[in-house]
Amino acid sequence: MSRMPDLVVRAAVKAEAEAIAALLRQAFLEFEPLYTPEGFAATTPTAEQIRARWAEGPVWVALDGVRIVGTVAAVPTGRGLHMRSMAVAPSARGRGVGRALLEQVEELARARGFERVFLSTTPFLHDAIRLYQGAGFVRLEEGPHQLGGTPLFSMEKGLRAAGGAKG
């Protein structure tokens, strides 16, 4: 597949919470049988749950024209910048969307002086794991090791800060 020439990653707005929730469900639906019901519910939050995330940290969307084809969120913690809920529409996979979303998270982390970005993922999301590894993330032994009974493992990427204060 070719890259998306009109791809734009920007901060999401709360009015897009429904579209983000629908994208997360669409992106993970094919994997639902591999999740526990609790794990799948946590992976595909409702629009109301997504709206609450704006108080915790930034949420981004990737757009191909006017269509939302990807999303990611981040939460600053004492450990670094925690990336969560990254998803790419099945029709847009393999076209640079995931990489663009990762770059947005890393840019924010560097700007805020974080030394690492970390995430948790399930062992059956093979394409996502390849993307993370290709971007320099390495697997950690530390947890969490499950999400509502669904197995997880954590990954991190060390960064060189570009300056700025944490927070």
N, C-alpha and C. Protein backbone atom coordinates (compact mmCIF):
# COMPACT_ATOMS: atom_id res chain seq x y z
N MET A 1 0.84 -1.18 0.00
CA MET A 1 0.00 0.00 0.00
C MET A 1 0.88 1.24 0.00
N SER A 2 0.38 2.28 -0.57
CA SER A 2 1.14 3.53 -0.60
C SER A 2 0.87 4.36 0.65
N ARG A 3 1.78 5.27 0.91
CA ARG A 3 1.61 6.21 2.03
C ARG A 3 0.45 7.14 1.72
N MET A 4 -0.11 7.72 2.75
CA MET A 4 -1.23 8.65 2.58
C MET A 4 -0.66 10.06 2.43
N PRO A 5 -0.69 10.63 1.24
CA PRO A 5 -0.08 11.95 1.04
C PRO A 5 -0.80 13.07 1.79
N ASP A 6 -2.08 12.91 2.07
CA ASP A 6 -2.85 13.96 2.74
C ASP A 6 -3.00 13.71 4.24
N LEU A 7 -2.18 12.83 4.81
CA LEU A 7 -2.29 12.49 6.22
C LEU A 7 -1.89 13.67 7.09
N VAL A 8 -2.75 13.99 8.04
CA VAL A 8 -2.50 15.05 9.01
C VAL A 8 -2.78 14.48 10.39
N VAL A 9 -1.85 14.70 11.33
CA VAL A 9 -2.07 14.34 12.72
C VAL A 9 -2.24 15.64 13.49
N ARG A 10 -3.32 15.72 14.26
CA ARG A 10 -3.59 16.93 15.03
C ARG A 10 -4.25 16.56 16.35
N ALA A 11 -4.28 17.53 17.25
CA ALA A 11 -4.98 17.32 18.52
C ALA A 11 -6.45 17.06 18.23
N ALA A 12 -6.98 16.08 18.93
CA ALA A 12 -8.41 15.79 18.80
C ALA A 12 -9.20 16.79 19.64
N VAL A 13 -10.46 16.92 19.33
CA VAL A 13 -11.37 17.75 20.13
C VAL A 13 -12.45 16.84 20.71
N LYS A 14 -13.02 17.26 21.83
CA LYS A 14 -13.99 16.41 22.53
C LYS A 14 -15.17 16.02 21.64
N ALA A 15 -15.53 16.87 20.69
CA ALA A 15 -16.64 16.55 19.79
C ALA A 15 -16.33 15.32 18.93
N GLU A 16 -15.06 14.92 18.86
CA GLU A 16 -14.68 13.74 18.07
C GLU A 16 -14.66 12.46 18.89
N ALA A 17 -15.07 12.52 20.15
CA ALA A 17 -15.03 11.35 21.02
C ALA A 17 -15.82 10.17 20.45
N GLU A 18 -16.99 10.43 19.89
CA GLU A 18 -17.79 9.34 19.29
C GLU A 18 -17.04 8.68 18.14
N ALA A 19 -16.43 9.50 17.28
CA ALA A 19 -15.69 8.96 16.13
C ALA A 19 -14.46 8.18 16.60
N ILE A 20 -13.80 8.66 17.65
CA ILE A 20 -12.64 7.96 18.19
C ILE A 20 -13.06 6.62 18.77
N ALA A 21 -14.16 6.61 19.53
CA ALA A 21 -14.66 5.35 20.09
C ALA A 21 -15.01 4.37 18.98
N ALA A 22 -15.65 4.85 17.92
CA ALA A 22 -16.01 3.98 16.79
C ALA A 22 -14.75 3.44 16.10
N LEU A 23 -13.73 4.29 15.96
CA LEU A 23 -12.48 3.84 15.33
C LEU A 23 -11.81 2.77 16.19
N LEU A 24 -11.75 2.98 17.49
CA LEU A 24 -11.13 1.97 18.36
C LEU A 24 -11.86 0.63 18.24
N ARG A 25 -13.17 0.67 18.25
CA ARG A 25 -13.95 -0.57 18.12
C ARG A 25 -13.66 -1.23 16.76
N GLN A 26 -13.67 -0.44 15.70
CA GLN A 26 -13.42 -0.96 14.35
C GLN A 26 -12.02 -1.57 14.26
N ALA A 27 -11.04 -0.90 14.83
CA ALA A 27 -9.65 -1.36 14.73
C ALA A 27 -9.40 -2.66 15.50
N PHE A 28 -10.09 -2.85 16.61
CA PHE A 28 -9.83 -4.02 17.45
C PHE A 28 -10.87 -5.12 17.32
N LEU A 29 -11.92 -4.90 16.56
CA LEU A 29 -13.01 -5.87 16.43
C LEU A 29 -12.52 -7.25 15.97
N GLU A 30 -11.60 -7.28 15.01
CA GLU A 30 -11.12 -8.57 14.51
C GLU A 30 -10.38 -9.37 15.58
N PHE A 31 -9.90 -8.69 16.62
CA PHE A 31 -9.16 -9.35 17.69
C PHE A 31 -10.04 -9.65 18.91
N GLU A 32 -11.30 -9.26 18.87
CA GLU A 32 -12.18 -9.43 20.03
C GLU A 32 -12.16 -10.85 20.60
N PRO A 33 -12.17 -11.90 19.76
CA PRO A 33 -12.16 -13.26 20.34
C PRO A 33 -10.90 -13.58 21.17
N LEU A 34 -9.84 -12.81 20.99
CA LEU A 34 -8.60 -13.05 21.73
C LEU A 34 -8.56 -12.31 23.07
N TYR A 35 -9.46 -11.38 23.26
CA TYR A 35 -9.58 -10.62 24.50
C TYR A 35 -10.60 -11.28 25.42
N THR A 36 -10.47 -11.05 26.71
CA THR A 36 -11.58 -11.33 27.62
C THR A 36 -12.61 -10.22 27.40
N PRO A 37 -13.85 -10.43 27.79
CA PRO A 37 -14.83 -9.33 27.65
C PRO A 37 -14.38 -8.06 28.37
N GLU A 38 -13.78 -8.21 29.54
CA GLU A 38 -13.31 -7.04 30.30
C GLU A 38 -12.15 -6.36 29.58
N GLY A 39 -11.23 -7.14 29.04
CA GLY A 39 -10.09 -6.59 28.32
C GLY A 39 -10.51 -5.86 27.06
N PHE A 40 -11.48 -6.43 26.34
CA PHE A 40 -11.96 -5.78 25.12
C PHE A 40 -12.67 -4.47 25.46
N ALA A 41 -13.47 -4.47 26.52
CA ALA A 41 -14.16 -3.25 26.93
C ALA A 41 -13.16 -2.16 27.30
N ALA A 42 -12.07 -2.52 27.97
CA ALA A 42 -11.05 -1.53 28.35
C ALA A 42 -10.29 -1.02 27.13
N THR A 43 -10.13 -1.87 26.11
CA THR A 43 -9.41 -1.51 24.89
C THR A 43 -10.26 -0.65 23.97
N THR A 44 -11.57 -0.77 24.09
CA THR A 44 -12.49 -0.02 23.23
C THR A 44 -13.40 0.84 24.10
N PRO A 45 -12.85 1.88 24.72
CA PRO A 45 -13.65 2.71 25.63
C PRO A 45 -14.79 3.41 24.92
N THR A 46 -15.79 3.76 25.70
CA THR A 46 -16.94 4.50 25.18
C THR A 46 -16.54 5.95 24.90
N ALA A 47 -17.40 6.64 24.18
CA ALA A 47 -17.16 8.06 23.92
C ALA A 47 -17.08 8.85 25.23
N GLU A 48 -17.91 8.50 26.19
CA GLU A 48 -17.88 9.18 27.49
C GLU A 48 -16.53 8.96 28.18
N GLN A 49 -16.02 7.74 28.14
CA GLN A 49 -14.71 7.45 28.73
C GLN A 49 -13.61 8.21 28.00
N ILE A 50 -13.72 8.31 26.70
CA ILE A 50 -12.71 9.03 25.91
C ILE A 50 -12.76 10.52 26.24
N ARG A 51 -13.96 11.08 26.36
CA ARG A 51 -14.06 12.50 26.73
C ARG A 51 -13.36 12.78 28.05
N ALA A 52 -13.43 11.86 28.99
CA ALA A 52 -12.78 12.03 30.30
C ALA A 52 -11.25 12.05 30.17
N ARG A 53 -10.72 11.52 29.11
CA ARG A 53 -9.27 11.44 28.95
C ARG A 53 -8.62 12.80 28.72
N TRP A 54 -9.37 13.78 28.25
CA TRP A 54 -8.77 15.09 28.01
C TRP A 54 -8.19 15.67 29.30
N ALA A 55 -8.74 15.28 30.45
CA ALA A 55 -8.22 15.77 31.74
C ALA A 55 -6.92 15.06 32.11
N GLU A 56 -6.62 13.94 31.47
CA GLU A 56 -5.44 13.13 31.81
C GLU A 56 -4.25 13.40 30.90
N GLY A 57 -4.50 13.83 29.70
CA GLY A 57 -3.42 14.07 28.75
C GLY A 57 -3.96 14.24 27.35
N PRO A 58 -3.08 14.48 26.40
CA PRO A 58 -3.52 14.75 25.02
C PRO A 58 -4.08 13.52 24.30
N VAL A 59 -4.97 13.82 23.37
CA VAL A 59 -5.54 12.82 22.47
C VAL A 59 -5.35 13.37 21.06
N TRP A 60 -4.89 12.53 20.16
CA TRP A 60 -4.69 12.96 18.77
C TRP A 60 -5.51 12.11 17.83
N VAL A 61 -5.76 12.66 16.66
CA VAL A 61 -6.36 11.92 15.56
C VAL A 61 -5.48 12.09 14.33
N ALA A 62 -5.49 11.07 13.50
CA ALA A 62 -4.85 11.12 12.18
C ALA A 62 -5.97 11.19 11.17
N LEU A 63 -5.86 12.14 10.26
CA LEU A 63 -6.89 12.36 9.25
C LEU A 63 -6.35 12.14 7.85
N ASP A 64 -7.14 11.46 7.05
CA ASP A 64 -6.88 11.34 5.62
C ASP A 64 -7.98 12.19 4.97
N GLY A 65 -7.65 13.43 4.68
CA GLY A 65 -8.69 14.37 4.26
C GLY A 65 -9.50 14.74 5.48
N VAL A 66 -10.78 14.40 5.48
CA VAL A 66 -11.63 14.69 6.64
C VAL A 66 -11.95 13.44 7.45
N ARG A 67 -11.49 12.28 6.98
CA ARG A 67 -11.81 11.01 7.64
C ARG A 67 -10.77 10.67 8.70
N ILE A 68 -11.23 10.37 9.92
CA ILE A 68 -10.33 9.94 10.99
C ILE A 68 -9.92 8.50 10.70
N VAL A 69 -8.61 8.29 10.54
CA VAL A 69 -8.08 6.96 10.23
C VAL A 69 -7.15 6.43 11.32
N GLY A 70 -6.92 7.24 12.36
CA GLY A 70 -6.07 6.79 13.45
C GLY A 70 -6.23 7.65 14.67
N THR A 71 -5.82 7.12 15.80
CA THR A 71 -5.87 7.86 17.05
C THR A 71 -4.83 7.33 18.02
N VAL A 72 -4.44 8.17 18.95
CA VAL A 72 -3.56 7.78 20.04
C VAL A 72 -3.76 8.80 21.16
N ALA A 73 -3.50 8.37 22.38
CA ALA A 73 -3.58 9.25 23.54
C ALA A 73 -2.31 9.05 24.36
N ALA A 74 -2.05 10.00 25.26
CA ALA A 74 -0.87 9.90 26.12
C ALA A 74 -1.19 10.45 27.49
N VAL A 75 -0.53 9.87 28.48
CA VAL A 75 -0.71 10.28 29.87
C VAL A 75 0.66 10.49 30.49
N PRO A 76 0.99 11.70 30.93
CA PRO A 76 2.25 11.92 31.63
C PRO A 76 2.20 11.21 32.99
N THR A 77 3.28 10.52 33.33
CA THR A 77 3.38 9.84 34.62
C THR A 77 4.78 10.10 35.18
N GLY A 78 5.02 9.63 36.36
CA GLY A 78 6.35 9.75 36.93
C GLY A 78 7.38 8.92 36.20
N ARG A 79 6.95 7.93 35.45
CA ARG A 79 7.85 7.05 34.71
C ARG A 79 8.22 7.61 33.34
N GLY A 80 7.39 8.48 32.80
CA GLY A 80 7.60 8.99 31.45
C GLY A 80 6.25 9.32 30.84
N LEU A 81 6.18 9.28 29.53
CA LEU A 81 4.92 9.53 28.84
C LEU A 81 4.34 8.18 28.44
N HIS A 82 3.18 7.86 28.97
CA HIS A 82 2.53 6.58 28.68
C HIS A 82 1.60 6.75 27.48
N MET A 83 1.87 6.00 26.43
CA MET A 83 1.05 6.01 25.22
C MET A 83 -0.04 4.96 25.37
N ARG A 84 -1.25 5.32 24.97
CA ARG A 84 -2.35 4.36 25.07
C ARG A 84 -3.35 4.56 23.94
N SER A 85 -4.14 3.52 23.74
CA SER A 85 -5.24 3.54 22.77
C SER A 85 -4.80 3.97 21.38
N MET A 86 -3.67 3.44 20.92
CA MET A 86 -3.30 3.71 19.54
C MET A 86 -4.06 2.74 18.65
N ALA A 87 -4.68 3.28 17.62
CA ALA A 87 -5.43 2.45 16.68
C ALA A 87 -5.39 3.08 15.30
N VAL A 88 -5.40 2.21 14.30
CA VAL A 88 -5.44 2.63 12.90
C VAL A 88 -6.58 1.88 12.24
N ALA A 89 -7.39 2.58 11.48
CA ALA A 89 -8.49 1.94 10.75
C ALA A 89 -7.93 0.83 9.88
N PRO A 90 -8.60 -0.32 9.84
CA PRO A 90 -8.10 -1.43 9.01
C PRO A 90 -7.81 -1.02 7.56
N SER A 91 -8.62 -0.14 6.99
CA SER A 91 -8.42 0.29 5.59
C SER A 91 -7.18 1.17 5.42
N ALA A 92 -6.63 1.69 6.51
CA ALA A 92 -5.47 2.59 6.43
C ALA A 92 -4.18 1.96 6.92
N ARG A 93 -4.22 0.71 7.32
CA ARG A 93 -3.02 0.05 7.85
C ARG A 93 -1.95 -0.11 6.78
N GLY A 94 -0.71 -0.01 7.21
CA GLY A 94 0.41 -0.18 6.29
C GLY A 94 0.70 1.05 5.47
N ARG A 95 0.12 2.19 5.84
CA ARG A 95 0.26 3.40 5.03
C ARG A 95 0.88 4.56 5.80
N GLY A 96 1.54 4.25 6.91
CA GLY A 96 2.27 5.27 7.64
C GLY A 96 1.51 5.96 8.76
N VAL A 97 0.27 5.57 8.99
CA VAL A 97 -0.55 6.23 10.01
C VAL A 97 0.01 5.96 11.41
N GLY A 98 0.28 4.71 11.71
CA GLY A 98 0.82 4.35 13.02
C GLY A 98 2.14 5.04 13.30
N ARG A 99 3.00 5.08 12.31
CA ARG A 99 4.30 5.75 12.47
C ARG A 99 4.09 7.24 12.74
N ALA A 100 3.17 7.88 12.03
CA ALA A 100 2.91 9.31 12.24
C ALA A 100 2.37 9.57 13.65
N LEU A 101 1.51 8.70 14.14
CA LEU A 101 0.98 8.85 15.50
C LEU A 101 2.09 8.67 16.53
N LEU A 102 2.96 7.67 16.33
CA LEU A 102 4.09 7.48 17.24
C LEU A 102 4.99 8.71 17.27
N GLU A 103 5.25 9.27 16.12
CA GLU A 103 6.11 10.47 16.05
C GLU A 103 5.50 11.63 16.82
N GLN A 104 4.18 11.76 16.78
CA GLN A 104 3.50 12.83 17.52
C GLN A 104 3.70 12.65 19.02
N VAL A 105 3.56 11.42 19.51
CA VAL A 105 3.74 11.14 20.94
C VAL A 105 5.18 11.42 21.34
N GLU A 106 6.13 10.96 20.53
CA GLU A 106 7.54 11.18 20.85
C GLU A 106 7.90 12.66 20.83
N GLU A 107 7.33 13.41 19.91
CA GLU A 107 7.59 14.85 19.84
C GLU A 107 7.13 15.54 21.12
N LEU A 108 5.94 15.19 21.59
CA LEU A 108 5.45 15.76 22.84
C LEU A 108 6.34 15.35 24.01
N ALA A 109 6.72 14.09 24.06
CA ALA A 109 7.57 13.61 25.15
C ALA A 109 8.88 14.39 25.20
N ARG A 110 9.51 14.56 24.07
CA ARG A 110 10.77 15.31 24.02
C ARG A 110 10.56 16.77 24.44
N ALA A 111 9.49 17.38 23.93
CA ALA A 111 9.22 18.78 24.24
C ALA A 111 8.99 19.00 25.73
N ARG A 112 8.44 17.99 26.39
CA ARG A 112 8.17 18.11 27.82
C ARG A 112 9.30 17.56 28.69
N GLY A 113 10.37 17.12 28.06
CA GLY A 113 11.53 16.67 28.81
C GLY A 113 11.46 15.26 29.35
N PHE A 114 10.55 14.45 28.84
CA PHE A 114 10.49 13.06 29.29
C PHE A 114 11.63 12.27 28.70
N GLU A 115 12.15 11.33 29.45
CA GLU A 115 13.26 10.51 29.00
C GLU A 115 12.82 9.22 28.35
N ARG A 116 11.52 8.89 28.48
CA ARG A 116 11.05 7.66 27.83
C ARG A 116 9.56 7.71 27.55
N VAL A 117 9.18 6.94 26.55
CA VAL A 117 7.78 6.70 26.22
C VAL A 117 7.56 5.22 26.47
N PHE A 118 6.47 4.89 27.09
CA PHE A 118 6.18 3.48 27.30
C PHE A 118 4.73 3.17 26.96
N LEU A 119 4.44 1.89 26.79
CA LEU A 119 3.12 1.43 26.40
C LEU A 119 2.94 0.00 26.88
N SER A 120 1.71 -0.45 26.85
CA SER A 120 1.40 -1.86 27.09
C SER A 120 0.62 -2.34 25.88
N THR A 121 0.86 -3.59 25.51
CA THR A 121 0.17 -4.17 24.36
C THR A 121 -0.09 -5.64 24.61
N THR A 122 -0.94 -6.22 23.81
CA THR A 122 -1.24 -7.64 23.93
C THR A 122 -0.31 -8.41 22.99
N PRO A 123 0.05 -9.64 23.36
CA PRO A 123 1.00 -10.39 22.53
C PRO A 123 0.46 -10.80 21.16
N PHE A 124 -0.84 -10.66 20.93
CA PHE A 124 -1.40 -11.08 19.64
C PHE A 124 -1.55 -9.93 18.64
N LEU A 125 -1.17 -8.72 19.01
CA LEU A 125 -1.22 -7.59 18.06
C LEU A 125 0.12 -7.49 17.33
N HIS A 126 0.39 -8.48 16.50
CA HIS A 126 1.70 -8.65 15.87
C HIS A 126 2.14 -7.45 15.03
N ASP A 127 1.23 -6.88 14.24
CA ASP A 127 1.61 -5.73 13.40
C ASP A 127 1.99 -4.53 14.26
N ALA A 128 1.24 -4.29 15.32
CA ALA A 128 1.55 -3.17 16.22
C ALA A 128 2.90 -3.39 16.89
N ILE A 129 3.15 -4.61 17.33
CA ILE A 129 4.43 -4.92 17.99
C ILE A 129 5.59 -4.68 17.02
N ARG A 130 5.43 -5.09 15.77
CA ARG A 130 6.48 -4.85 14.76
C ARG A 130 6.71 -3.35 14.57
N LEU A 131 5.63 -2.58 14.54
CA LEU A 131 5.75 -1.12 14.42
C LEU A 131 6.53 -0.57 15.61
N TYR A 132 6.17 -0.96 16.82
CA TYR A 132 6.84 -0.46 18.01
C TYR A 132 8.32 -0.86 18.01
N GLN A 133 8.61 -2.10 17.69
CA GLN A 133 10.01 -2.55 17.66
C GLN A 133 10.79 -1.78 16.59
N GLY A 134 10.19 -1.58 15.44
CA GLY A 134 10.85 -0.85 14.36
C GLY A 134 11.12 0.60 14.72
N ALA A 135 10.32 1.14 15.65
CA ALA A 135 10.50 2.52 16.10
C ALA A 135 11.46 2.62 17.29
N GLY A 136 11.99 1.46 17.73
CA GLY A 136 12.97 1.48 18.80
C GLY A 136 12.46 1.10 20.18
N PHE A 137 11.22 0.65 20.29
CA PHE A 137 10.70 0.20 21.57
C PHE A 137 11.23 -1.20 21.88
N VAL A 138 11.50 -1.44 23.15
CA VAL A 138 11.96 -2.75 23.61
C VAL A 138 11.02 -3.26 24.69
N ARG A 139 10.91 -4.57 24.76
CA ARG A 139 10.03 -5.21 25.72
C ARG A 139 10.62 -5.13 27.12
N LEU A 140 9.74 -4.91 28.10
CA LEU A 140 10.13 -4.84 29.51
C LEU A 140 9.61 -6.05 30.26
N GLU A 141 10.27 -6.37 31.35
CA GLU A 141 9.78 -7.44 32.22
C GLU A 141 8.68 -6.93 33.15
N GLU A 142 8.74 -5.63 33.49
CA GLU A 142 7.76 -5.07 34.41
C GLU A 142 6.37 -5.04 33.79
N GLY A 143 5.35 -4.98 34.64
CA GLY A 143 3.97 -5.02 34.19
C GLY A 143 3.44 -3.67 33.78
N PRO A 144 2.15 -3.61 33.55
CA PRO A 144 1.15 -4.63 33.89
C PRO A 144 1.23 -5.84 32.97
N HIS A 145 0.76 -6.97 33.48
CA HIS A 145 0.82 -8.21 32.73
C HIS A 145 -0.55 -8.70 32.27
N GLN A 146 -1.59 -7.96 32.62
CA GLN A 146 -2.93 -8.32 32.14
C GLN A 146 -3.83 -7.10 32.20
N LEU A 147 -4.86 -7.14 31.39
CA LEU A 147 -5.89 -6.10 31.34
C LEU A 147 -7.22 -6.82 31.34
N GLY A 148 -7.88 -6.81 32.48
CA GLY A 148 -9.15 -7.52 32.58
C GLY A 148 -9.03 -8.98 32.22
N GLY A 149 -7.89 -9.59 32.55
CA GLY A 149 -7.66 -11.01 32.26
C GLY A 149 -7.03 -11.28 30.90
N THR A 150 -6.87 -10.28 30.06
CA THR A 150 -6.19 -10.42 28.77
C THR A 150 -4.70 -10.19 29.00
N PRO A 151 -3.83 -11.08 28.49
CA PRO A 151 -2.39 -10.90 28.70
C PRO A 151 -1.87 -9.62 28.07
N LEU A 152 -0.92 -8.99 28.77
CA LEU A 152 -0.25 -7.78 28.30
C LEU A 152 1.24 -7.90 28.55
N PHE A 153 1.99 -7.08 27.83
CA PHE A 153 3.38 -6.82 28.20
C PHE A 153 3.66 -5.36 27.89
N SER A 154 4.69 -4.83 28.54
CA SER A 154 5.03 -3.42 28.38
C SER A 154 6.26 -3.26 27.51
N MET A 155 6.35 -2.11 26.87
CA MET A 155 7.49 -1.76 26.03
C MET A 155 7.87 -0.32 26.35
N GLU A 156 9.13 0.03 26.11
CA GLU A 156 9.56 1.41 26.30
C GLU A 156 10.56 1.80 25.23
N LYS A 157 10.66 3.11 25.07
CA LYS A 157 11.67 3.68 24.19
C LYS A 157 12.30 4.84 24.94
N GLY A 158 13.63 4.80 25.07
CA GLY A 158 14.36 5.90 25.68
C GLY A 158 14.48 7.04 24.68
N LEU A 159 14.40 8.27 25.20
CA LEU A 159 14.46 9.46 24.35
C LEU A 159 15.56 10.39 24.84
N ARG A 160 16.04 11.17 23.94
CA ARG A 160 16.90 12.31 24.30
C ARG A 160 15.99 13.51 24.32
N ALA A 161 15.90 14.14 25.46
CA ALA A 161 14.99 15.29 25.60
C ALA A 161 15.50 16.47 24.78
N ALA A 162 14.56 17.20 24.20
CA ALA A 162 14.90 18.40 23.43
C ALA A 162 14.76 19.66 24.28
N GLY A 163 14.60 19.46 25.57
CA GLY A 163 14.43 20.61 26.47
C GLY A 163 12.99 20.70 26.91
N GLY A 164 12.74 21.60 27.81
CA GLY A 164 11.38 21.77 28.31
C GLY A 164 11.25 21.14 29.68
N ALA A 165 10.16 21.43 30.32
CA ALA A 165 9.93 20.91 31.67
C ALA A 165 8.95 19.76 31.62
N LYS A 166 9.07 18.89 32.59
CA LYS A 166 8.12 17.78 32.68
C LYS A 166 6.77 18.31 33.12
N GLY A 167 5.72 17.57 32.64
CA GLY A 167 4.37 17.94 33.11
C GLY A 167 3.38 18.06 32.06
